[in-house]
Structures are given as C-alpha cells and as structure tokens.
Amino acid sequence: MKLIVGLGNPGPEYTRTRHNAGFMVVDRLAERHAMGQTPRSKFHAMILEANIKGEKCVLMKPTTYMNRSGMALAEAARFYKLAPAQDVLVIVDEAALSTGTIRVRAEGGANGHNGLKDIQQKLGGQQYPRLRVGVGPKPSVMVLHDFVLGRFREEEQPALASAIEKAADAVETFAAEGIDAAMNTHNVREKPPEGFDAWAPRDDENPGGS
C-alpha cells in the first residue's frame, strides 16, 4: 500500500492557489483512478482509495491548515503500518521551481515550507519521498506568503496543467516501481516555452502583480 498526500489549505478561498498545487495533483489522480468514488473523512483528512498500476493507494488531502499537515499523514501511516521512506509520497508546491516543472526526491529538508516542517516534526525525520510541483518563480518584489497564497496568472495556466499531468504520471511510477524509478524517469530538466515569461509586467500592472 502507498499513501499519496497532497498538501494544501482547505476552504474555497484557497482553491487553485499556488500553495494548493498538491491538492490539484491528488484531484487529478482521483479523476484517473477513483472516478465516481465519494471522498470520506478520516485522519483529519479527506481520503479516497485507488488502485494505481496494480498498487493499492490512499489519496489524501489533509483538512488541517498547511502548517499542521503532519497530523493527518502521521495518523494514517501508523494506522496502515507504513514505512514513510518506502510507502509515503508527499506532493507539495515549490516556489523555487518554475511553473510547469516537477522534481521527485527520496528525502530532504523542508526548504522553508511549513507543511514539510510539520511533517518532518511528526515523523521525526526527513526520510520520506516528496514530489515538488513548481509554482514560481517568485518575483523579488513579493513576500513569499502572499505569493503562494495567490492564484496563477492566465498565461501560466498551460504550464500549470502540464505540471499537474506530469506530477500525476510521476505518482503512478512511484506506486508501480518505487521512488528510484520515479526520480530516474521524471526528473527531467526542461526549458520554458520560447518567449514565455510569466512575470513580465504588462502595461496595466506592476511587476509581480497577481
């Protein structure tokens, strides 16, 4: 069994914000593998069970706020007797990566992300795989908190859609073949489309406006 945890904030005011990229990927996985199922409340989260490439998986979206994400993950890992280093994958937004890119890692630090900080504290270590979904780059004129709680600009939508699909593909590889295969297959450096600059100011806005 694998536990696939998408990070985000609950509530309509946070829907489709950059900080909820993890939720978006879980929603896409649900469309692919759990169509017609009704999510249920458990472990301070909404969960769905899905069969992904022959592996039983639990898709999870914590219903706590981002900085308490570890509560749901830790409860579920204990309940299902999972080993986080092999059986858990956390999907998280990453402002240091450009929108449209993803990175898969077997372990690592929180990199300032409050959701990962709480997970690290609840699990007692950094040894759990994570899939980072690019939501940046953050403009230098913006505070990180305001940036990640903002929504994607219209011109970023194609790159975002591509990232969600690639992230869902990476989760499928993780479920079927493990974290090493997911890293080897999906950690591809890509150039943005020619002429694409998500944060070039238009005539009617300030640089970095959202």
N, C-alpha and C. Protein backbone atom coordinates (compact mmCIF):
# COMPACT_ATOMS: atom_id res chain seq x y z
N MET A 1 0.84 -1.21 0.00
CA MET A 1 0.00 0.00 0.00
C MET A 1 0.87 1.25 0.00
N LYS A 2 0.41 2.26 -0.71
CA LYS A 2 1.09 3.55 -0.73
C LYS A 2 0.13 4.64 -0.25
N LEU A 3 0.68 5.60 0.47
CA LEU A 3 -0.07 6.77 0.92
C LEU A 3 0.41 7.97 0.12
N ILE A 4 -0.50 8.56 -0.65
CA ILE A 4 -0.18 9.70 -1.51
C ILE A 4 -0.85 10.94 -0.89
N VAL A 5 -0.05 11.87 -0.41
CA VAL A 5 -0.56 13.01 0.35
C VAL A 5 -0.31 14.30 -0.42
N GLY A 6 -1.36 14.97 -0.83
CA GLY A 6 -1.24 16.28 -1.45
C GLY A 6 -1.43 17.36 -0.41
N LEU A 7 -0.52 18.33 -0.36
CA LEU A 7 -0.61 19.39 0.63
C LEU A 7 -1.35 20.60 0.07
N GLY A 8 -2.06 21.29 0.97
CA GLY A 8 -2.81 22.48 0.61
C GLY A 8 -3.56 23.00 1.81
N ASN A 9 -4.34 24.04 1.60
CA ASN A 9 -5.20 24.60 2.63
C ASN A 9 -6.66 24.33 2.28
N PRO A 10 -7.47 23.95 3.26
CA PRO A 10 -8.89 23.70 2.97
C PRO A 10 -9.67 25.00 2.82
N GLY A 11 -10.80 24.93 2.15
CA GLY A 11 -11.68 26.10 2.04
C GLY A 11 -11.66 26.72 0.67
N PRO A 12 -12.80 27.27 0.23
CA PRO A 12 -12.90 27.82 -1.13
C PRO A 12 -11.98 29.00 -1.38
N GLU A 13 -11.62 29.74 -0.33
CA GLU A 13 -10.75 30.90 -0.54
C GLU A 13 -9.35 30.50 -0.98
N TYR A 14 -8.98 29.23 -0.77
CA TYR A 14 -7.65 28.76 -1.16
C TYR A 14 -7.65 27.90 -2.42
N THR A 15 -8.82 27.67 -2.98
CA THR A 15 -8.92 26.83 -4.17
C THR A 15 -8.07 27.38 -5.32
N ARG A 16 -7.26 26.49 -5.90
CA ARG A 16 -6.43 26.83 -7.07
C ARG A 16 -5.34 27.85 -6.77
N THR A 17 -5.03 28.08 -5.51
CA THR A 17 -3.88 28.93 -5.19
C THR A 17 -2.60 28.12 -5.38
N ARG A 18 -1.48 28.82 -5.45
CA ARG A 18 -0.19 28.15 -5.67
C ARG A 18 0.11 27.15 -4.55
N HIS A 19 -0.25 27.50 -3.31
CA HIS A 19 0.03 26.64 -2.17
C HIS A 19 -0.77 25.34 -2.23
N ASN A 20 -1.79 25.28 -3.09
CA ASN A 20 -2.64 24.10 -3.17
C ASN A 20 -2.30 23.21 -4.37
N ALA A 21 -1.11 23.34 -4.89
CA ALA A 21 -0.71 22.50 -6.03
C ALA A 21 -0.79 21.01 -5.68
N GLY A 22 -0.47 20.67 -4.44
CA GLY A 22 -0.57 19.27 -4.03
C GLY A 22 -1.98 18.75 -4.10
N PHE A 23 -2.94 19.56 -3.69
CA PHE A 23 -4.35 19.19 -3.81
C PHE A 23 -4.73 18.95 -5.28
N MET A 24 -4.23 19.82 -6.16
CA MET A 24 -4.57 19.71 -7.59
C MET A 24 -4.11 18.37 -8.16
N VAL A 25 -2.92 17.94 -7.77
CA VAL A 25 -2.41 16.67 -8.27
C VAL A 25 -3.24 15.50 -7.75
N VAL A 26 -3.59 15.53 -6.47
CA VAL A 26 -4.44 14.47 -5.91
C VAL A 26 -5.80 14.44 -6.61
N ASP A 27 -6.34 15.62 -6.90
CA ASP A 27 -7.62 15.67 -7.63
C ASP A 27 -7.48 15.03 -9.01
N ARG A 28 -6.36 15.26 -9.67
CA ARG A 28 -6.15 14.66 -10.99
C ARG A 28 -6.02 13.14 -10.89
N LEU A 29 -5.32 12.68 -9.86
CA LEU A 29 -5.19 11.24 -9.64
C LEU A 29 -6.56 10.61 -9.37
N ALA A 30 -7.40 11.33 -8.62
CA ALA A 30 -8.74 10.83 -8.35
C ALA A 30 -9.54 10.71 -9.64
N GLU A 31 -9.36 11.68 -10.54
CA GLU A 31 -10.05 11.61 -11.83
C GLU A 31 -9.59 10.41 -12.63
N ARG A 32 -8.31 10.10 -12.55
CA ARG A 32 -7.76 8.99 -13.31
C ARG A 32 -8.12 7.62 -12.71
N HIS A 33 -8.12 7.53 -11.38
CA HIS A 33 -8.14 6.22 -10.74
C HIS A 33 -9.27 5.99 -9.73
N ALA A 34 -10.05 7.00 -9.43
CA ALA A 34 -11.11 6.81 -8.43
C ALA A 34 -12.38 7.54 -8.86
N MET A 35 -12.61 7.59 -10.15
CA MET A 35 -13.77 8.29 -10.68
C MET A 35 -15.06 7.69 -10.12
N GLY A 36 -15.94 8.56 -9.63
CA GLY A 36 -17.23 8.12 -9.09
C GLY A 36 -17.22 7.83 -7.61
N GLN A 37 -16.04 7.72 -7.00
CA GLN A 37 -15.97 7.50 -5.57
C GLN A 37 -16.24 8.79 -4.81
N THR A 38 -16.77 8.65 -3.61
CA THR A 38 -17.02 9.80 -2.74
C THR A 38 -15.95 9.84 -1.67
N PRO A 39 -15.21 10.94 -1.57
CA PRO A 39 -14.19 11.03 -0.51
C PRO A 39 -14.82 10.90 0.87
N ARG A 40 -14.08 10.30 1.80
CA ARG A 40 -14.57 10.19 3.17
C ARG A 40 -13.58 10.85 4.12
N SER A 41 -14.10 11.25 5.26
CA SER A 41 -13.30 11.95 6.26
C SER A 41 -12.66 10.96 7.22
N LYS A 42 -11.33 11.01 7.32
CA LYS A 42 -10.59 10.14 8.22
C LYS A 42 -9.20 10.72 8.41
N PHE A 43 -8.62 10.54 9.58
CA PHE A 43 -7.26 11.01 9.86
C PHE A 43 -7.12 12.53 9.72
N HIS A 44 -8.16 13.31 10.02
CA HIS A 44 -8.10 14.77 9.82
C HIS A 44 -7.81 15.08 8.35
N ALA A 45 -8.45 14.33 7.46
CA ALA A 45 -8.22 14.48 6.02
C ALA A 45 -9.42 13.93 5.26
N MET A 46 -9.47 14.25 3.98
CA MET A 46 -10.38 13.59 3.06
C MET A 46 -9.57 12.58 2.28
N ILE A 47 -10.06 11.33 2.21
CA ILE A 47 -9.30 10.28 1.57
C ILE A 47 -10.14 9.52 0.54
N LEU A 48 -9.45 8.95 -0.42
CA LEU A 48 -10.02 8.05 -1.40
C LEU A 48 -9.08 6.86 -1.54
N GLU A 49 -9.62 5.69 -1.78
CA GLU A 49 -8.80 4.53 -2.08
C GLU A 49 -8.80 4.31 -3.59
N ALA A 50 -7.64 3.99 -4.12
CA ALA A 50 -7.50 3.82 -5.56
C ALA A 50 -6.50 2.72 -5.85
N ASN A 51 -6.69 2.04 -6.97
CA ASN A 51 -5.72 1.07 -7.45
C ASN A 51 -4.93 1.75 -8.57
N ILE A 52 -3.65 2.00 -8.31
CA ILE A 52 -2.81 2.69 -9.27
C ILE A 52 -1.73 1.74 -9.75
N LYS A 53 -1.82 1.36 -11.01
CA LYS A 53 -0.84 0.44 -11.61
C LYS A 53 -0.70 -0.84 -10.80
N GLY A 54 -1.81 -1.34 -10.27
CA GLY A 54 -1.79 -2.59 -9.51
C GLY A 54 -1.47 -2.44 -8.04
N GLU A 55 -1.20 -1.22 -7.58
CA GLU A 55 -0.87 -0.98 -6.17
C GLU A 55 -2.04 -0.29 -5.49
N LYS A 56 -2.45 -0.81 -4.34
CA LYS A 56 -3.48 -0.15 -3.56
C LYS A 56 -2.91 1.14 -2.97
N CYS A 57 -3.61 2.25 -3.19
CA CYS A 57 -3.14 3.56 -2.73
C CYS A 57 -4.26 4.28 -2.00
N VAL A 58 -3.87 5.08 -1.03
CA VAL A 58 -4.79 6.00 -0.37
C VAL A 58 -4.41 7.41 -0.80
N LEU A 59 -5.34 8.10 -1.43
CA LEU A 59 -5.14 9.50 -1.83
C LEU A 59 -5.65 10.39 -0.72
N MET A 60 -4.83 11.29 -0.24
CA MET A 60 -5.17 12.09 0.95
C MET A 60 -5.01 13.58 0.71
N LYS A 61 -6.00 14.34 1.18
CA LYS A 61 -5.91 15.80 1.25
C LYS A 61 -6.22 16.21 2.70
N PRO A 62 -5.20 16.61 3.47
CA PRO A 62 -5.45 16.99 4.86
C PRO A 62 -6.46 18.14 4.96
N THR A 63 -7.30 18.09 5.99
CA THR A 63 -8.28 19.15 6.21
C THR A 63 -7.82 20.13 7.28
N THR A 64 -6.62 19.92 7.80
CA THR A 64 -6.00 20.92 8.66
C THR A 64 -5.38 21.99 7.75
N TYR A 65 -4.93 23.09 8.34
CA TYR A 65 -4.20 24.06 7.53
C TYR A 65 -2.79 23.54 7.26
N MET A 66 -2.14 24.18 6.31
CA MET A 66 -0.85 23.71 5.82
C MET A 66 0.14 23.42 6.94
N ASN A 67 0.23 24.31 7.93
CA ASN A 67 1.26 24.15 8.96
C ASN A 67 0.96 23.03 9.96
N ARG A 68 -0.14 22.28 9.74
CA ARG A 68 -0.43 21.12 10.58
C ARG A 68 -0.63 19.87 9.73
N SER A 69 -0.03 19.86 8.56
CA SER A 69 -0.21 18.76 7.62
C SER A 69 0.29 17.42 8.16
N GLY A 70 1.27 17.46 9.05
CA GLY A 70 1.85 16.23 9.55
C GLY A 70 0.90 15.38 10.37
N MET A 71 -0.10 15.99 10.97
CA MET A 71 -1.04 15.25 11.81
C MET A 71 -1.73 14.15 11.02
N ALA A 72 -2.30 14.52 9.87
CA ALA A 72 -3.03 13.55 9.06
C ALA A 72 -2.10 12.46 8.53
N LEU A 73 -0.96 12.86 8.02
CA LEU A 73 -0.03 11.89 7.44
C LEU A 73 0.44 10.90 8.50
N ALA A 74 0.83 11.39 9.65
CA ALA A 74 1.36 10.51 10.70
C ALA A 74 0.29 9.54 11.20
N GLU A 75 -0.94 10.01 11.36
CA GLU A 75 -2.02 9.13 11.81
C GLU A 75 -2.27 8.01 10.81
N ALA A 76 -2.32 8.35 9.53
CA ALA A 76 -2.57 7.35 8.50
C ALA A 76 -1.42 6.36 8.40
N ALA A 77 -0.18 6.85 8.46
CA ALA A 77 0.98 5.96 8.37
C ALA A 77 0.99 4.95 9.51
N ARG A 78 0.62 5.41 10.71
CA ARG A 78 0.56 4.48 11.84
C ARG A 78 -0.57 3.47 11.66
N PHE A 79 -1.73 3.95 11.22
CA PHE A 79 -2.90 3.08 11.08
C PHE A 79 -2.64 1.96 10.07
N TYR A 80 -2.03 2.31 8.93
CA TYR A 80 -1.78 1.33 7.89
C TYR A 80 -0.43 0.62 8.05
N LYS A 81 0.32 0.99 9.09
CA LYS A 81 1.63 0.39 9.37
C LYS A 81 2.57 0.54 8.18
N LEU A 82 2.68 1.78 7.71
CA LEU A 82 3.51 2.08 6.56
C LEU A 82 4.89 2.58 6.99
N ALA A 83 5.88 2.31 6.16
CA ALA A 83 7.22 2.85 6.35
C ALA A 83 7.34 4.10 5.48
N PRO A 84 7.42 5.30 6.07
CA PRO A 84 7.42 6.53 5.28
C PRO A 84 8.47 6.56 4.17
N ALA A 85 9.64 5.99 4.40
CA ALA A 85 10.70 6.06 3.40
C ALA A 85 10.38 5.28 2.13
N GLN A 86 9.49 4.30 2.22
CA GLN A 86 9.14 3.50 1.05
C GLN A 86 7.69 3.67 0.59
N ASP A 87 6.80 3.98 1.54
CA ASP A 87 5.37 3.85 1.27
C ASP A 87 4.60 5.17 1.20
N VAL A 88 5.26 6.28 1.46
CA VAL A 88 4.59 7.58 1.51
C VAL A 88 5.18 8.50 0.46
N LEU A 89 4.32 9.25 -0.22
CA LEU A 89 4.78 10.29 -1.14
C LEU A 89 3.99 11.56 -0.85
N VAL A 90 4.71 12.64 -0.57
CA VAL A 90 4.10 13.94 -0.28
C VAL A 90 4.24 14.83 -1.52
N ILE A 91 3.13 15.41 -1.94
CA ILE A 91 3.11 16.29 -3.12
C ILE A 91 2.97 17.72 -2.61
N VAL A 92 3.90 18.58 -2.98
CA VAL A 92 4.00 19.90 -2.36
C VAL A 92 4.37 20.95 -3.40
N ASP A 93 3.90 22.18 -3.20
CA ASP A 93 4.26 23.29 -4.07
C ASP A 93 5.70 23.73 -3.80
N GLU A 94 6.35 24.25 -4.82
CA GLU A 94 7.73 24.71 -4.68
C GLU A 94 7.92 26.02 -5.44
N ALA A 95 8.08 27.12 -4.69
CA ALA A 95 8.23 28.43 -5.30
C ALA A 95 9.59 28.62 -5.95
N ALA A 96 10.57 27.77 -5.60
CA ALA A 96 11.90 27.88 -6.20
C ALA A 96 11.97 27.23 -7.57
N LEU A 97 10.92 26.51 -7.98
CA LEU A 97 10.86 25.90 -9.31
C LEU A 97 9.87 26.66 -10.18
N SER A 98 10.18 26.78 -11.45
CA SER A 98 9.28 27.46 -12.37
C SER A 98 8.00 26.66 -12.56
N THR A 99 6.91 27.37 -12.75
CA THR A 99 5.64 26.71 -13.05
C THR A 99 5.79 25.86 -14.31
N GLY A 100 5.33 24.62 -14.21
CA GLY A 100 5.47 23.69 -15.32
C GLY A 100 6.50 22.61 -15.08
N THR A 101 7.32 22.77 -14.03
CA THR A 101 8.36 21.78 -13.74
C THR A 101 8.00 21.00 -12.48
N ILE A 102 8.55 19.80 -12.38
CA ILE A 102 8.40 18.99 -11.17
C ILE A 102 9.76 18.41 -10.80
N ARG A 103 9.91 18.03 -9.53
CA ARG A 103 11.11 17.33 -9.07
C ARG A 103 10.68 16.28 -8.05
N VAL A 104 11.23 15.09 -8.19
CA VAL A 104 10.97 13.99 -7.26
C VAL A 104 12.22 13.77 -6.42
N ARG A 105 12.06 13.65 -5.11
CA ARG A 105 13.18 13.43 -4.21
C ARG A 105 12.84 12.33 -3.21
N ALA A 106 13.84 11.54 -2.84
CA ALA A 106 13.63 10.45 -1.89
C ALA A 106 13.56 10.96 -0.46
N GLU A 107 14.19 12.09 -0.18
CA GLU A 107 14.18 12.68 1.15
C GLU A 107 14.73 14.09 1.03
N GLY A 108 14.84 14.79 2.16
CA GLY A 108 15.40 16.13 2.13
C GLY A 108 14.78 17.03 3.18
N GLY A 109 15.29 18.24 3.26
CA GLY A 109 14.81 19.20 4.23
C GLY A 109 13.50 19.85 3.80
N ALA A 110 13.00 20.70 4.70
CA ALA A 110 11.72 21.36 4.46
C ALA A 110 11.85 22.55 3.52
N ASN A 111 13.06 23.10 3.37
CA ASN A 111 13.30 24.23 2.47
C ASN A 111 12.36 25.40 2.78
N GLY A 112 12.07 25.59 4.08
CA GLY A 112 11.23 26.70 4.50
C GLY A 112 9.74 26.48 4.35
N HIS A 113 9.32 25.31 3.89
CA HIS A 113 7.90 25.03 3.66
C HIS A 113 7.26 24.57 4.96
N ASN A 114 6.22 25.28 5.41
CA ASN A 114 5.62 24.97 6.71
C ASN A 114 4.95 23.61 6.75
N GLY A 115 4.38 23.17 5.63
CA GLY A 115 3.78 21.84 5.61
C GLY A 115 4.83 20.76 5.80
N LEU A 116 5.95 20.87 5.09
CA LEU A 116 7.03 19.90 5.23
C LEU A 116 7.67 19.96 6.61
N LYS A 117 7.76 21.15 7.16
CA LYS A 117 8.30 21.27 8.52
C LYS A 117 7.48 20.46 9.51
N ASP A 118 6.16 20.57 9.40
CA ASP A 118 5.30 19.86 10.35
C ASP A 118 5.37 18.35 10.12
N ILE A 119 5.42 17.93 8.87
CA ILE A 119 5.56 16.50 8.58
C ILE A 119 6.86 15.96 9.15
N GLN A 120 7.94 16.70 8.94
CA GLN A 120 9.23 16.28 9.47
C GLN A 120 9.18 16.14 10.98
N GLN A 121 8.52 17.08 11.65
CA GLN A 121 8.41 17.02 13.11
C GLN A 121 7.57 15.82 13.56
N LYS A 122 6.44 15.58 12.88
CA LYS A 122 5.55 14.49 13.28
C LYS A 122 6.16 13.12 12.99
N LEU A 123 6.94 13.01 11.91
CA LEU A 123 7.57 11.73 11.57
C LEU A 123 8.90 11.54 12.27
N GLY A 124 9.47 12.63 12.77
CA GLY A 124 10.76 12.54 13.46
C GLY A 124 11.95 12.43 12.53
N GLY A 125 11.79 12.92 11.30
CA GLY A 125 12.91 12.88 10.38
C GLY A 125 12.52 13.32 8.98
N GLN A 126 13.51 13.34 8.08
CA GLN A 126 13.34 13.82 6.70
C GLN A 126 13.22 12.67 5.70
N GLN A 127 13.19 11.43 6.19
CA GLN A 127 13.26 10.28 5.30
C GLN A 127 11.86 9.89 4.80
N TYR A 128 11.36 10.68 3.89
CA TYR A 128 10.11 10.36 3.21
C TYR A 128 10.15 11.02 1.83
N PRO A 129 9.70 10.34 0.78
CA PRO A 129 9.74 10.91 -0.57
C PRO A 129 8.79 12.09 -0.71
N ARG A 130 9.17 13.00 -1.58
CA ARG A 130 8.32 14.14 -1.88
C ARG A 130 8.42 14.49 -3.37
N LEU A 131 7.31 14.99 -3.88
CA LEU A 131 7.22 15.42 -5.26
C LEU A 131 6.91 16.92 -5.23
N ARG A 132 7.87 17.70 -5.71
CA ARG A 132 7.72 19.16 -5.68
C ARG A 132 7.16 19.64 -7.03
N VAL A 133 6.11 20.42 -6.95
CA VAL A 133 5.46 20.96 -8.14
C VAL A 133 5.79 22.45 -8.23
N GLY A 134 6.46 22.84 -9.29
CA GLY A 134 6.88 24.23 -9.43
C GLY A 134 5.70 25.19 -9.53
N VAL A 135 5.76 26.26 -8.74
CA VAL A 135 4.72 27.30 -8.79
C VAL A 135 5.35 28.68 -8.94
N GLY A 136 6.65 28.76 -9.19
CA GLY A 136 7.36 30.02 -9.26
C GLY A 136 7.70 30.39 -10.71
N PRO A 137 8.67 31.29 -10.83
CA PRO A 137 9.47 31.87 -9.77
C PRO A 137 8.78 33.03 -9.06
N LYS A 138 9.10 33.18 -7.77
CA LYS A 138 8.53 34.28 -7.00
C LYS A 138 9.21 35.59 -7.41
N PRO A 139 8.45 36.60 -7.74
CA PRO A 139 9.05 37.91 -8.04
C PRO A 139 9.74 38.49 -6.80
N SER A 140 10.84 39.15 -7.00
CA SER A 140 11.60 39.69 -5.88
C SER A 140 10.81 40.73 -5.10
N VAL A 141 9.81 41.35 -5.75
CA VAL A 141 9.05 42.40 -5.08
C VAL A 141 7.94 41.85 -4.19
N MET A 142 7.72 40.52 -4.20
CA MET A 142 6.63 39.94 -3.44
C MET A 142 7.13 39.17 -2.23
N VAL A 143 6.36 39.20 -1.14
CA VAL A 143 6.61 38.38 0.03
C VAL A 143 6.16 36.95 -0.29
N LEU A 144 6.92 35.96 0.15
CA LEU A 144 6.63 34.57 -0.18
C LEU A 144 5.22 34.16 0.25
N HIS A 145 4.81 34.56 1.44
CA HIS A 145 3.49 34.20 1.96
C HIS A 145 2.39 34.69 1.01
N ASP A 146 2.50 35.93 0.57
CA ASP A 146 1.49 36.48 -0.34
C ASP A 146 1.54 35.79 -1.70
N PHE A 147 2.74 35.46 -2.14
CA PHE A 147 2.88 34.83 -3.45
C PHE A 147 2.22 33.46 -3.48
N VAL A 148 2.51 32.60 -2.50
CA VAL A 148 1.98 31.23 -2.56
C VAL A 148 0.49 31.17 -2.28
N LEU A 149 -0.05 32.19 -1.62
CA LEU A 149 -1.50 32.23 -1.38
C LEU A 149 -2.25 32.92 -2.52
N GLY A 150 -1.52 33.34 -3.54
CA GLY A 150 -2.15 33.93 -4.71
C GLY A 150 -2.44 32.87 -5.76
N ARG A 151 -3.21 33.23 -6.76
CA ARG A 151 -3.58 32.30 -7.82
C ARG A 151 -2.68 32.49 -9.04
N PHE A 152 -2.64 31.48 -9.88
CA PHE A 152 -1.84 31.51 -11.09
C PHE A 152 -2.41 32.50 -12.09
N ARG A 153 -1.54 33.15 -12.80
CA ARG A 153 -1.98 34.06 -13.84
C ARG A 153 -2.45 33.30 -15.06
N GLU A 154 -3.23 33.96 -15.88
CA GLU A 154 -3.81 33.30 -17.05
C GLU A 154 -2.74 32.69 -17.94
N GLU A 155 -1.65 33.40 -18.15
CA GLU A 155 -0.62 32.90 -19.05
C GLU A 155 0.16 31.72 -18.46
N GLU A 156 0.01 31.48 -17.18
CA GLU A 156 0.66 30.33 -16.54
C GLU A 156 -0.18 29.05 -16.62
N GLN A 157 -1.45 29.16 -16.97
CA GLN A 157 -2.34 28.01 -16.91
C GLN A 157 -1.87 26.82 -17.76
N PRO A 158 -1.41 27.02 -19.00
CA PRO A 158 -0.94 25.85 -19.76
C PRO A 158 0.23 25.14 -19.08
N ALA A 159 1.18 25.91 -18.54
CA ALA A 159 2.31 25.29 -17.86
C ALA A 159 1.85 24.57 -16.59
N LEU A 160 0.90 25.16 -15.87
CA LEU A 160 0.36 24.51 -14.68
C LEU A 160 -0.31 23.19 -15.04
N ALA A 161 -1.15 23.20 -16.07
CA ALA A 161 -1.83 21.98 -16.50
C ALA A 161 -0.83 20.89 -16.86
N SER A 162 0.24 21.28 -17.54
CA SER A 162 1.28 20.32 -17.90
C SER A 162 1.93 19.73 -16.66
N ALA A 163 2.22 20.59 -15.67
CA ALA A 163 2.86 20.12 -14.44
C ALA A 163 1.97 19.15 -13.68
N ILE A 164 0.67 19.42 -13.64
CA ILE A 164 -0.25 18.53 -12.93
C ILE A 164 -0.25 17.15 -13.59
N GLU A 165 -0.26 17.11 -14.92
CA GLU A 165 -0.24 15.83 -15.63
C GLU A 165 1.08 15.10 -15.38
N LYS A 166 2.19 15.82 -15.45
CA LYS A 166 3.49 15.19 -15.23
C LYS A 166 3.61 14.68 -13.79
N ALA A 167 3.09 15.45 -12.85
CA ALA A 167 3.14 15.02 -11.45
C ALA A 167 2.30 13.75 -11.24
N ALA A 168 1.12 13.71 -11.84
CA ALA A 168 0.28 12.51 -11.73
C ALA A 168 0.99 11.31 -12.35
N ASP A 169 1.66 11.51 -13.47
CA ASP A 169 2.44 10.43 -14.08
C ASP A 169 3.53 9.94 -13.13
N ALA A 170 4.21 10.88 -12.46
CA ALA A 170 5.28 10.52 -11.53
C ALA A 170 4.74 9.72 -10.35
N VAL A 171 3.56 10.08 -9.86
CA VAL A 171 2.95 9.32 -8.77
C VAL A 171 2.67 7.90 -9.23
N GLU A 172 2.18 7.74 -10.44
CA GLU A 172 1.90 6.41 -10.96
C GLU A 172 3.17 5.56 -11.02
N THR A 173 4.27 6.16 -11.45
CA THR A 173 5.54 5.44 -11.48
C THR A 173 5.99 5.07 -10.08
N PHE A 174 5.84 5.99 -9.13
CA PHE A 174 6.19 5.70 -7.74
C PHE A 174 5.38 4.52 -7.21
N ALA A 175 4.09 4.52 -7.47
CA ALA A 175 3.23 3.45 -6.98
C ALA A 175 3.62 2.09 -7.55
N ALA A 176 3.96 2.08 -8.84
CA ALA A 176 4.24 0.81 -9.51
C ALA A 176 5.67 0.32 -9.33
N GLU A 177 6.64 1.28 -9.29
CA GLU A 177 8.05 0.89 -9.37
C GLU A 177 8.92 1.45 -8.25
N GLY A 178 8.39 2.38 -7.45
CA GLY A 178 9.18 2.90 -6.35
C GLY A 178 9.80 4.25 -6.63
N ILE A 179 10.44 4.81 -5.61
CA ILE A 179 10.92 6.19 -5.68
C ILE A 179 12.11 6.34 -6.64
N ASP A 180 13.01 5.33 -6.70
CA ASP A 180 14.16 5.46 -7.60
C ASP A 180 13.71 5.54 -9.05
N ALA A 181 12.75 4.71 -9.42
CA ALA A 181 12.25 4.75 -10.80
C ALA A 181 11.56 6.07 -11.09
N ALA A 182 10.83 6.59 -10.11
CA ALA A 182 10.15 7.88 -10.29
C ALA A 182 11.16 9.00 -10.51
N MET A 183 12.24 9.00 -9.75
CA MET A 183 13.27 10.03 -9.91
C MET A 183 13.96 9.89 -11.26
N ASN A 184 14.33 8.66 -11.63
CA ASN A 184 15.06 8.45 -12.88
C ASN A 184 14.21 8.80 -14.10
N THR A 185 12.92 8.57 -14.00
CA THR A 185 12.04 8.78 -15.15
C THR A 185 11.56 10.22 -15.29
N HIS A 186 11.30 10.87 -14.16
CA HIS A 186 10.56 12.13 -14.21
C HIS A 186 11.37 13.38 -13.84
N ASN A 187 12.60 13.21 -13.37
CA ASN A 187 13.42 14.39 -13.06
C ASN A 187 14.16 14.84 -14.31
N VAL A 188 13.42 15.46 -15.21
CA VAL A 188 13.97 15.93 -16.48
C VAL A 188 14.00 17.45 -16.47
N ARG A 189 15.17 18.00 -16.74
CA ARG A 189 15.26 19.46 -16.81
C ARG A 189 14.66 19.93 -18.13
N GLU A 190 13.73 20.88 -18.00
CA GLU A 190 13.04 21.37 -19.19
C GLU A 190 13.16 22.88 -19.28
N LYS A 191 13.25 23.36 -20.52
CA LYS A 191 13.25 24.79 -20.76
C LYS A 191 11.81 25.27 -20.89
N PRO A 192 11.50 26.47 -20.39
CA PRO A 192 10.15 27.01 -20.60
C PRO A 192 9.91 27.27 -22.07
N PRO A 193 8.66 27.34 -22.50
CA PRO A 193 8.37 27.62 -23.91
C PRO A 193 9.03 28.91 -24.37
N GLU A 194 9.44 28.94 -25.61
CA GLU A 194 10.13 30.11 -26.14
C GLU A 194 9.26 31.36 -26.00
N GLY A 195 9.84 32.40 -25.44
CA GLY A 195 9.11 33.65 -25.27
C GLY A 195 8.26 33.70 -24.02
N PHE A 196 8.22 32.61 -23.23
CA PHE A 196 7.38 32.59 -22.03
C PHE A 196 8.09 33.30 -20.88
N ASP A 197 7.42 34.26 -20.32
CA ASP A 197 7.90 34.93 -19.11
C ASP A 197 6.69 35.25 -18.27
N ALA A 198 6.41 34.38 -17.29
CA ALA A 198 5.18 34.50 -16.52
C ALA A 198 5.11 35.80 -15.74
N TRP A 199 6.28 36.43 -15.48
CA TRP A 199 6.26 37.61 -14.61
C TRP A 199 6.72 38.87 -15.33
N ALA A 200 6.69 38.84 -16.63
CA ALA A 200 6.96 40.08 -17.35
C ALA A 200 5.77 41.01 -17.15
N PRO A 201 6.01 42.27 -16.72
CA PRO A 201 4.89 43.17 -16.46
C PRO A 201 4.15 43.58 -17.73
N ARG A 202 2.84 43.62 -17.64
CA ARG A 202 2.04 44.17 -18.73
C ARG A 202 1.88 45.67 -18.50
N ASP A 203 1.34 46.36 -19.48
CA ASP A 203 1.23 47.80 -19.39
C ASP A 203 0.31 48.23 -18.25
N ASP A 204 -0.65 47.34 -17.86
CA ASP A 204 -1.65 47.73 -16.87
C ASP A 204 -1.36 47.20 -15.47
N GLU A 205 -0.12 46.76 -15.20
CA GLU A 205 0.15 46.21 -13.87
C GLU A 205 1.57 46.47 -13.45
N ASN A 206 1.82 46.28 -12.15
CA ASN A 206 3.14 46.36 -11.60
C ASN A 206 3.84 45.02 -11.76
N PRO A 207 5.17 44.99 -11.78
CA PRO A 207 5.87 43.71 -11.86
C PRO A 207 5.46 42.81 -10.70
N GLY A 208 5.17 41.54 -11.01
CA GLY A 208 4.85 40.58 -9.96
C GLY A 208 3.45 40.66 -9.46
N GLY A 209 2.59 41.50 -10.02
CA GLY A 209 1.22 41.58 -9.55
C GLY A 209 0.48 40.28 -9.83
N SER A 210 -0.51 39.93 -8.97
CA SER A 210 -1.24 38.68 -9.17
C SER A 210 -2.72 38.94 -8.96
